[in-house]
C-alpha atoms as a PDB file:
ATOM      1  CA  MET A   1       3.447  13.001  11.474  1.00  0.00           C
ATOM      2  CA  ILE A   2       0.426  10.561  12.347  1.00  0.00           C
ATOM      3  CA  THR A   3      -0.355  10.029  16.043  1.00  0.00           C
ATOM      4  CA  LEU A   4      -1.270   6.148  16.875  1.00  0.00           C
ATOM      5  CA  ILE A   5      -4.093   6.289  19.441  1.00  0.00           C
ATOM      6  CA  ILE A   6      -4.826   2.630  20.966  1.00  0.00           C
ATOM      7  CA  SER A   7      -7.741   2.253  22.947  1.00  0.00           C
ATOM      8  CA  TYR A   8      -6.374  -0.265  25.371  1.00  0.00           C
ATOM      9  CA  TYR A   9      -7.702  -2.106  28.434  1.00  0.00           C
ATOM     10  CA  LYS A  10      -5.318  -5.513  29.985  1.00  0.00           C
ATOM     11  CA  ASN A  11      -4.859  -7.546  26.940  1.00  0.00           C
ATOM     12  CA  ILE A  12      -1.196  -7.919  26.391  1.00  0.00           C
ATOM     13  CA  PRO A  13      -1.386 -10.355  24.008  1.00  0.00           C
ATOM     14  CA  ALA A  14      -3.146  -8.276  21.668  1.00  0.00           C
ATOM     15  CA  LEU A  15      -1.159  -5.397  22.075  1.00  0.00           C
ATOM     16  CA  THR A  16       1.773  -7.166  21.690  1.00  0.00           C
ATOM     17  CA  LEU A  17       0.488  -8.576  18.053  1.00  0.00           C
ATOM     18  CA  ILE A  18      -0.604  -4.831  16.852  1.00  0.00           C
ATOM     19  CA  PHE A  19       3.165  -3.763  17.856  1.00  0.00           C
ATOM     20  CA  GLU A  20       4.573  -6.517  15.297  1.00  0.00           C
ATOM     21  CA  ALA A  21       2.198  -5.265  12.726  1.00  0.00           C
ATOM     22  CA  LEU A  22       3.612  -1.768  13.441  1.00  0.00           C
ATOM     23  CA  LYS A  23       6.913  -2.463  12.411  1.00  0.00           C
ATOM     24  CA  ARG A  24       6.352  -4.003   9.738  1.00  0.00           C
ATOM     25  CA  GLN A  25       3.713  -0.524   8.396  1.00  0.00           C
ATOM     26  CA  THR A  26       5.403   0.852   5.041  1.00  0.00           C
ATOM     27  CA  PHE A  27       4.751   4.464   6.789  1.00  0.00           C
ATOM     28  CA  ARG A  28       6.903   4.563   9.367  1.00  0.00           C
ATOM     29  CA  GLU A  29       6.455   8.778  10.412  1.00  0.00           C
ATOM     30  CA  PHE A  30       4.137   7.874  13.170  1.00  0.00           C
ATOM     31  CA  GLU A  31       4.207   7.510  17.081  1.00  0.00           C
ATOM     32  CA  VAL A  32       1.936   5.561  19.345  1.00  0.00           C
ATOM     33  CA  ILE A  33      -0.259   6.263  22.505  1.00  0.00           C
ATOM     34  CA  VAL A  34      -1.369   3.409  24.219  1.00  0.00           C
ATOM     35  CA  ALA A  35      -4.231   5.115  25.984  1.00  0.00           C
ATOM     36  CA  GLU A  36      -5.434   3.041  28.845  1.00  0.00           C
ATOM     37  CA  ASP A  37      -8.692   2.989  30.519  1.00  0.00           C
ATOM     38  CA  ALA A  38      -7.042   1.575  33.806  1.00  0.00           C
ATOM     39  CA  ASN A  39      -3.028   2.177  34.523  1.00  0.00           C
ATOM     40  CA  ASP A  40      -2.332  -1.586  35.011  1.00  0.00           C
ATOM     41  CA  ASP A  41       1.326  -2.204  36.063  1.00  0.00           C
ATOM     42  CA  THR A  42       2.098  -4.931  34.269  1.00  0.00           C
ATOM     43  CA  THR A  43       1.332  -2.892  31.073  1.00  0.00           C
ATOM     44  CA  VAL A  44       3.622  -0.108  32.189  1.00  0.00           C
ATOM     45  CA  LEU A  45       6.571  -2.802  32.785  1.00  0.00           C
ATOM     46  CA  PHE A  46       5.346  -4.098  29.203  1.00  0.00           C
ATOM     47  CA  LEU A  47       5.526  -0.947  27.732  1.00  0.00           C
ATOM     48  CA  LYS A  48       9.047   0.135  28.641  1.00  0.00           C
ATOM     49  CA  GLN A  49      10.420  -3.003  27.389  1.00  0.00           C
ATOM     50  CA  CYS A  50       8.763  -2.162  24.015  1.00  0.00           C
ATOM     51  CA  GLN A  51       9.984   1.449  24.281  1.00  0.00           C
ATOM     52  CA  GLU A  52      13.432   0.025  23.560  1.00  0.00           C
ATOM     53  CA  GLN A  53      12.385  -2.764  21.100  1.00  0.00           C
ATOM     54  CA  TYR A  54      10.381  -1.174  18.329  1.00  0.00           C
ATOM     55  CA  PHE A  55      11.436   1.886  15.880  1.00  0.00           C
ATOM     56  CA  PHE A  56       8.293   3.757  16.976  1.00  0.00           C
ATOM     57  CA  PRO A  57       7.724   6.133  20.246  1.00  0.00           C
ATOM     58  CA  ILE A  58       5.468   4.706  22.445  1.00  0.00           C
ATOM     59  CA  ARG A  59       3.693   6.563  24.665  1.00  0.00           C
ATOM     60  CA  HIS A  60       1.494   5.401  27.550  1.00  0.00           C
ATOM     61  CA  ILE A  61      -1.213   7.412  29.653  1.00  0.00           C
ATOM     62  CA  GLY A  62      -3.554   5.736  31.919  1.00  0.00           C
ATOM     63  CA  HIS A  63      -6.063   6.511  34.780  1.00  0.00           C
ATOM     64  CA  GLU A  64      -7.728   5.400  37.732  1.00  0.00           C
ATOM     65  CA  ASP A  65      -9.842   1.737  36.708  1.00  0.00           C
ATOM     66  CA  CYS A  66     -13.534   2.527  37.928  1.00  0.00           C
ATOM     67  CA  GLY A  67     -15.433   2.177  34.889  1.00  0.00           C
ATOM     68  CA  PHE A  68     -15.877   2.756  31.527  1.00  0.00           C
ATOM     69  CA  ARG A  69     -14.071   6.149  30.760  1.00  0.00           C
ATOM     70  CA  LYS A  70     -12.995   5.049  27.072  1.00  0.00           C
ATOM     71  CA  THR A  71     -13.836   8.867  25.979  1.00  0.00           C
ATOM     72  CA  LYS A  72     -11.546  10.471  28.985  1.00  0.00           C
ATOM     73  CA  ILE A  73      -8.709   8.223  28.445  1.00  0.00           C
ATOM     74  CA  LEU A  74      -8.599   9.117  24.544  1.00  0.00           C
ATOM     75  CA  ASN A  75      -9.763  13.174  25.223  1.00  0.00           C
ATOM     76  CA  ASP A  76      -6.149  13.120  27.185  1.00  0.00           C
ATOM     77  CA  ALA A  77      -4.155  11.227  24.684  1.00  0.00           C
ATOM     78  CA  ILE A  78      -5.396  13.403  21.966  1.00  0.00           C
ATOM     79  CA  ARG A  79      -3.983  16.382  24.316  1.00  0.00           C
ATOM     80  CA  ILE A  80      -0.449  15.059  24.175  1.00  0.00           C
ATOM     81  CA  ALA A  81      -0.705  13.629  20.748  1.00  0.00           C
ATOM     82  CA  GLN A  82       2.383  15.502  18.516  1.00  0.00           C
ATOM     83  CA  GLY A  83       0.764  14.441  15.480  1.00  0.00           C
ATOM     84  CA  GLU A  84      -1.232  16.808  13.231  1.00  0.00           C
ATOM     85  CA  LYS A  85      -2.858  13.576  12.136  1.00  0.00           C
ATOM     86  CA  LEU A  86      -5.010  11.282  14.480  1.00  0.00           C
ATOM     87  CA  VAL A  87      -5.648   7.986  14.046  1.00  0.00           C
ATOM     88  CA  PHE A  88      -7.889   6.150  16.185  1.00  0.00           C
ATOM     89  CA  LEU A  89      -7.508   2.131  16.741  1.00  0.00           C
ATOM     90  CA  ASP A  90      -8.456  -0.781  19.637  1.00  0.00           C
ATOM     91  CA  GLY A  91      -6.305  -2.705  21.155  1.00  0.00           C
ATOM     92  CA  ASP A  92      -8.140  -5.868  19.879  1.00  0.00           C
ATOM     93  CA  CYS A  93      -7.531  -4.966  16.395  1.00  0.00           C
ATOM     94  CA  VAL A  94      -4.215  -5.757  14.092  1.00  0.00           C
ATOM     95  CA  PRO A  95      -3.732  -3.520  11.097  1.00  0.00           C
ATOM     96  CA  HIS A  96      -2.751  -4.334   7.477  1.00  0.00           C
ATOM     97  CA  ARG A  97       0.848  -2.946   6.408  1.00  0.00           C
ATOM     98  CA  HIS A  98      -0.591  -0.148   4.737  1.00  0.00           C
ATOM     99  CA  PHE A  99      -2.255   0.980   7.494  1.00  0.00           C
ATOM    100  CA  LEU A 100      -1.068   3.993   8.229  1.00  0.00           C
ATOM    101  CA  LYS A 101       0.504   4.705   4.908  1.00  0.00           C
ATOM    102  CA  THR A 102      -3.681   4.732   3.745  1.00  0.00           C
ATOM    103  CA  TYR A 103      -4.366   7.071   6.551  1.00  0.00           C
ATOM    104  CA  ASN A 104      -1.416   9.559   5.975  1.00  0.00           C
ATOM    105  CA  ARG A 105      -2.099   9.574   1.987  1.00  0.00           C
ATOM    106  CA  TYR A 106      -6.049  10.848   2.928  1.00  0.00           C
ATOM    107  CA  ILE A 107      -6.108  12.460   5.795  1.00  0.00           C
ATOM    108  CA  LYS A 108      -7.024  15.859   4.824  1.00  0.00           C
ATOM    109  CA  ASP A 109      -8.463  19.555   5.044  1.00  0.00           C
ATOM    110  CA  GLY A 110     -12.275  18.910   4.718  1.00  0.00           C
ATOM    111  CA  CYS A 111     -12.749  15.407   5.462  1.00  0.00           C
ATOM    112  CA  TYR A 112     -12.547  12.833   8.139  1.00  0.00           C
ATOM    113  CA  CYS A 113     -11.731   8.802   6.722  1.00  0.00           C
ATOM    114  CA  TYR A 114     -13.052   5.868   7.981  1.00  0.00           C
ATOM    115  CA  GLY A 115     -11.992   1.910   7.293  1.00  0.00           C
ATOM    116  CA  ARG A 116     -13.350  -1.276   7.698  1.00  0.00           C
ATOM    117  CA  ARG A 117     -12.016  -4.864   8.849  1.00  0.00           C
ATOM    118  CA  VAL A 118     -12.577  -8.713   8.936  1.00  0.00           C
ATOM    119  CA  GLY A 119     -14.377 -10.173  12.141  1.00  0.00           C
ATOM    120  CA  LEU A 120     -11.394 -13.224  12.468  1.00  0.00           C
ATOM    121  CA  GLY A 121     -12.620 -16.770  13.701  1.00  0.00           C
ATOM    122  CA  LYS A 122     -11.751 -18.239  16.921  1.00  0.00           C
ATOM    123  CA  ASN A 123      -8.435 -20.531  15.474  1.00  0.00           C
ATOM    124  CA  ILE A 124      -6.684 -18.218  13.467  1.00  0.00           C
ATOM    125  CA  SER A 125      -7.070 -15.596  16.439  1.00  0.00           C
ATOM    126  CA  GLU A 126      -5.365 -17.882  18.902  1.00  0.00           C
ATOM    127  CA  LYS A 127      -2.952 -18.703  16.477  1.00  0.00           C
ATOM    128  CA  ALA A 128      -1.856 -14.899  15.768  1.00  0.00           C
ATOM    129  CA  LEU A 129      -1.683 -14.713  19.387  1.00  0.00           C
ATOM    130  CA  THR A 130       0.686 -17.540  19.925  1.00  0.00           C
ATOM    131  CA  THR A 131       2.975 -16.932  17.325  1.00  0.00           C
ATOM    132  CA  GLN A 132       2.803 -13.168  17.584  1.00  0.00           C
ATOM    133  CA  ASN A 133       2.475 -13.294  13.937  1.00  0.00           C
ATOM    134  CA  PRO A 134       0.642 -10.712  11.953  1.00  0.00           C
ATOM    135  CA  GLU A 135       1.447 -11.845   8.762  1.00  0.00           C
ATOM    136  CA  LEU A 136      -1.188 -15.063   9.006  1.00  0.00           C
ATOM    137  CA  PHE A 137      -3.552 -12.801   8.519  1.00  0.00           C
ATOM    138  CA  SER A 138      -3.386 -12.725   4.537  1.00  0.00           C
ATOM    139  CA  ILE A 139      -6.535 -12.848   2.481  1.00  0.00           C
ATOM    140  CA  LEU A 140      -6.038 -16.769   1.202  1.00  0.00           C
ATOM    141  CA  ASN A 141      -5.309 -17.626   5.175  1.00  0.00           C
ATOM    142  CA  ILE A 142      -8.294 -15.746   5.878  1.00  0.00           C
ATOM    143  CA  HIS A 143     -10.547 -17.405   3.635  1.00  0.00           C
ATOM    144  CA  TYR A 144      -9.558 -20.610   3.096  1.00  0.00           C
ATOM    145  CA  PHE A 145      -8.639 -21.820   6.441  1.00  0.00           C
ATOM    146  CA  SER A 146     -10.429 -19.637   9.116  1.00  0.00           C
ATOM    147  CA  SER A 147     -14.123 -19.043   9.992  1.00  0.00           C
ATOM    148  CA  SER A 148     -13.617 -15.485   9.636  1.00  0.00           C
ATOM    149  CA  LYS A 149     -16.671 -13.043   8.907  1.00  0.00           C
ATOM    150  CA  CYS A 150     -16.346  -9.782   6.640  1.00  0.00           C
ATOM    151  CA  ILE A 151     -13.290 -11.608   4.535  1.00  0.00           C
ATOM    152  CA  ALA A 152     -14.066  -9.052   1.479  1.00  0.00           C
ATOM    153  CA  GLU A 153     -13.263  -6.487   3.543  1.00  0.00           C
ATOM    154  CA  GLY A 154      -9.373  -7.929   3.895  1.00  0.00           C
ATOM    155  CA  ILE A 155      -8.526  -7.273   0.615  1.00  0.00           C
ATOM    156  CA  TYR A 156      -6.396  -4.718  -0.084  1.00  0.00           C
ATOM    157  CA  LEU A 157      -7.333  -2.368  -3.427  1.00  0.00           C
ATOM    158  CA  PRO A 158      -5.224   0.803  -3.345  1.00  0.00           C
ATOM    159  CA  PHE A 159      -6.677   2.207  -6.865  1.00  0.00           C
ATOM    160  CA  ARG A 160     -10.184   1.664  -5.672  1.00  0.00           C
ATOM    161  CA  PRO A 161     -11.905   4.782  -5.625  1.00  0.00           C
ATOM    162  CA  THR A 162     -12.297   6.336  -2.456  1.00  0.00           C
ATOM    163  CA  ILE A 163     -16.367   8.036  -1.593  1.00  0.00           C
ATOM    164  CA  ARG A 164     -17.498  10.306   0.282  1.00  0.00           C
ATOM    165  CA  LYS A 165     -20.652   8.782   2.506  1.00  0.00           C
ATOM    166  CA  GLN A 166     -22.596  10.992   4.293  1.00  0.00           C
ATOM    167  CA  ASP A 167     -25.146   7.838   5.047  1.00  0.00           C
ATOM    168  CA  ARG A 168     -22.249   6.066   7.151  1.00  0.00           C
ATOM    169  CA  GLU A 169     -21.464   6.077  10.496  1.00  0.00           C
ATOM    170  CA  ILE A 170     -17.655   5.817  12.128  1.00  0.00           C
ATOM    171  CA  SER A 171     -16.241   2.867  14.172  1.00  0.00           C
ATOM    172  CA  GLY A 172     -14.144   3.747  17.124  1.00  0.00           C
ATOM    173  CA  SER A 173     -11.121   1.357  16.244  1.00  0.00           C
ATOM    174  CA  ASN A 174     -11.043   2.377  12.525  1.00  0.00           C
ATOM    175  CA  TRP A 175     -10.868   6.429  11.558  1.00  0.00           C
ATOM    176  CA  GLY A 176      -8.773   8.821  11.162  1.00  0.00           C
ATOM    177  CA  ILE A 177      -8.769  13.043  10.866  1.00  0.00           C
ATOM    178  CA  LEU A 178      -6.520  15.682  11.108  1.00  0.00           C
ATOM    179  CA  LYS A 179      -6.331  16.722  14.597  1.00  0.00           C
ATOM    180  CA  LYS A 180      -7.319  20.595  14.170  1.00  0.00           C
ATOM    181  CA  TYR A 181     -10.673  19.200  13.827  1.00  0.00           C
ATOM    182  CA  VAL A 182     -11.076  17.335  16.916  1.00  0.00           C
ATOM    183  CA  LEU A 183     -10.184  20.517  18.641  1.00  0.00           C
ATOM    184  CA  GLN A 184     -13.115  22.422  16.855  1.00  0.00           C
ATOM    185  CA  VAL A 185     -15.703  19.761  18.501  1.00  0.00           C
ATOM    186  CA  ASN A 186     -13.571  19.895  21.956  1.00  0.00           C
ATOM    187  CA  GLY A 187     -13.453  15.903  21.379  1.00  0.00           C
ATOM    188  CA  PHE A 188     -15.206  13.262  22.510  1.00  0.00           C
ATOM    189  CA  ASP A 189     -17.977  13.620  25.181  1.00  0.00           C
ATOM    190  CA  GLU A 190     -16.892  12.281  28.234  1.00  0.00           C
ATOM    191  CA  ASP A 191     -20.667  11.933  29.268  1.00  0.00           C
ATOM    192  CA  TYR A 192     -20.630   8.366  27.678  1.00  0.00           C
ATOM    193  CA  THR A 193     -19.895   5.926  30.683  1.00  0.00           C
ATOM    194  CA  LEU A 194     -21.379   3.067  29.560  1.00  0.00           C
ATOM    195  CA  PRO A 195     -19.871   0.849  26.820  1.00  0.00           C
ATOM    196  CA  CYS A 196     -21.429  -0.578  23.499  1.00  0.00           C
ATOM    197  CA  PHE A 197     -23.509   2.542  21.986  1.00  0.00           C
ATOM    198  CA  GLY A 198     -22.944   6.329  21.731  1.00  0.00           C
ATOM    199  CA  GLU A 199     -19.443   7.849  22.056  1.00  0.00           C
ATOM    200  CA  ASP A 200     -18.109   7.160  18.192  1.00  0.00           C
ATOM    201  CA  LEU A 201     -21.378   8.046  16.908  1.00  0.00           C
ATOM    202  CA  ASP A 202     -21.873  11.317  18.875  1.00  0.00           C
ATOM    203  CA  ILE A 203     -18.199  13.130  17.544  1.00  0.00           C
ATOM    204  CA  GLY A 204     -19.230  11.258  14.008  1.00  0.00           C
ATOM    205  CA  TRP A 205     -21.973  13.661  14.010  1.00  0.00           C
ATOM    206  CA  ARG A 206     -20.593  16.577  15.635  1.00  0.00           C
ATOM    207  CA  LEU A 207     -18.058  16.586  12.767  1.00  0.00           C
ATOM    208  CA  LYS A 208     -20.395  16.264  10.344  1.00  0.00           C
ATOM    209  CA  LYS A 209     -22.572  19.017  11.582  1.00  0.00           C
ATOM    210  CA  ILE A 210     -19.395  21.709  11.354  1.00  0.00           C
ATOM    211  CA  GLY A 211     -19.146  20.344   7.824  1.00  0.00           C
ATOM    212  CA  ILE A 212     -16.317  18.056   7.848  1.00  0.00           C
ATOM    213  CA  GLN A 213     -17.281  14.993   5.066  1.00  0.00           C
ATOM    214  CA  LEU A 214     -16.797  11.088   5.914  1.00  0.00           C
ATOM    215  CA  LEU A 215     -14.097   9.379   3.093  1.00  0.00           C
ATOM    216  CA  SER A 216     -14.764   5.801   3.162  1.00  0.00           C
ATOM    217  CA  VAL A 217     -11.313   4.068   2.518  1.00  0.00           C
ATOM    218  CA  LYS A 218     -12.622   0.720   2.451  1.00  0.00           C
ATOM    219  CA  ASN A 219     -10.293  -2.152   1.440  1.00  0.00           C
ATOM    220  CA  LYS A 220      -7.450   0.553   1.440  1.00  0.00           C
ATOM    221  CA  ALA A 221      -7.212   0.656   5.597  1.00  0.00           C
ATOM    222  CA  ILE A 222      -7.708  -2.669   6.448  1.00  0.00           C
ATOM    223  CA  GLN A 223      -7.631  -4.118  10.106  1.00  0.00           C
ATOM    224  CA  TYR A 224      -8.392  -7.363  11.264  1.00  0.00           C
ATOM    225  CA  HIS A 225     -10.589  -7.907  14.551  1.00  0.00           C
ATOM    226  CA  LEU A 226      -9.423 -10.595  17.175  1.00  0.00           C
ATOM    227  CA  PHE A 227     -11.981 -13.221  18.190  1.00  0.00           C
ATOM    228  CA  HIS A 228     -13.782 -12.760  21.395  1.00  0.00           C
ATOM    229  CA  GLU A 229     -16.594 -13.419  22.625  1.00  0.00           C
ATOM    230  CA  VAL A 230     -19.788 -11.108  22.321  1.00  0.00           C
ATOM    231  CA  ARG A 231     -20.171  -8.457  25.008  1.00  0.00           C
ATOM    232  CA  TYR A 232     -23.531  -6.800  23.890  1.00  0.00           C
ATOM    233  CA  ASN A 233     -25.343  -5.783  26.700  1.00  0.00           C
ATOM    234  CA  ALA A 234     -29.167  -4.825  25.148  1.00  0.00           C
ATOM    235  CA  THR A 235     -30.340  -2.671  27.980  1.00  0.00           C
ATOM    236  CA  ILE A 236     -26.573  -0.704  28.208  1.00  0.00           C
ATOM    237  CA  MET A 237     -27.232  -0.390  24.301  1.00  0.00           C
ATOM    238  CA  ALA A 238     -30.378   1.268  25.171  1.00  0.00           C
ATOM    239  CA  GLU A 239     -29.204   3.435  27.717  1.00  0.00           C
ATOM    240  CA  GLY A 240     -26.160   4.789  25.537  1.00  0.00           C
ATOM    241  CA  ARG A 241     -28.881   5.429  22.353  1.00  0.00           C
ATOM    242  CA  LYS A 242     -31.134   7.833  24.693  1.00  0.00           C
ATOM    243  CA  LYS A 243     -28.429   9.449  25.509  1.00  0.00           C
ATOM    244  CA  PHE A 244     -26.801   9.916  22.094  1.00  0.00           C
ATOM    245  CA  GLU A 245     -30.306  11.204  20.293  1.00  0.00           C
ATOM    246  CA  THR A 246     -30.846  13.156  23.463  1.00  0.00           C
ATOM    247  CA  LYS A 247     -27.798  15.193  22.456  1.00  0.00           C
ATOM    248  CA  LYS A 248     -28.399  15.024  18.540  1.00  0.00           C
ATOM    249  CA  SER A 249     -31.672  16.395  19.145  1.00  0.00           C
ATOM    250  CA  GLU A 250     -29.893  19.837  21.279  1.00  0.00           C
ATOM    251  CA  GLY A 251     -27.596  20.244  18.352  1.00  0.00           C
ATOM    252  CA  LYS A 252     -24.399  21.150  19.776  1.00  0.00           C
ATOM    253  CA  THR A 253     -21.085  20.423  17.739  1.00  0.00           C
ATOM    254  CA  PHE A 254     -19.122  21.421  20.737  1.00  0.00           C
ATOM    255  CA  CYS A 255     -19.363  18.997  23.857  1.00  0.00           C
ATOM    256  CA  LYS A 256     -19.891  20.875  26.836  1.00  0.00           C
ATOM    257  CA  ASN A 257     -17.836  17.866  29.213  1.00  0.00           C
ATOM    258  CA  GLY A 258     -14.573  16.954  26.296  1.00  0.00           C
ATOM    259  CA  ILE A 259     -11.149  18.179  26.131  1.00  0.00           C
ATOM    260  CA  ASN A 260     -11.695  21.521  27.164  1.00  0.00           C
ATOM    261  CA  LYS A 261     -13.761  21.608  30.531  1.00  0.00           C
END
């Protein structure tokens, strides 16, 4: 079974669209954990309603809303995950209908997998959020009727060879792995308390350090990133990069401030 962990922060329309896409998955043996970097009453009520509406189990885990603590809430979700396979998804990314089918096929011993995403344009994102229809994200709609970016990433090519790529890094919104390997490196490093840079790269290099190879499932595990204004902050990013480089130079694969303290 797969546990899909969705990192989330106060965006119910996007989460609804994700659930509608999950309802259409061609692989159905999965549970969902909504890992909320807050504990919003509106979200809790919404998820209680969803538990009666969708076929897949939905669980919620949250904590006090006091700054960027994505790594902590992800570790909390990993602790309670029942699946032997974990897949990570951001709360503003909508999965292709074969998304979980792909991960179920390719997550295996000795590797972890990463996919890519289409950067949706503003108009098609707004229309999808209004209609709650993930089927708008056909390659024809994206190509001809939107201002989307990275459109080629949305072409589903199930027979494309998978490639082991040690020169690539994972993005937190589209990757999957056996749970046992995440536990082996003690999960995410909770020392990362700023957004923009670091927390995903950190767990990625630690997995590589223990010999887990990175497998590209590009054009197989596809997702669609909903449009939003750029939240880039150069100062915060520089701080994250500095912390990442320091930790990497120390070479510790089992982070001290992780799942097991």
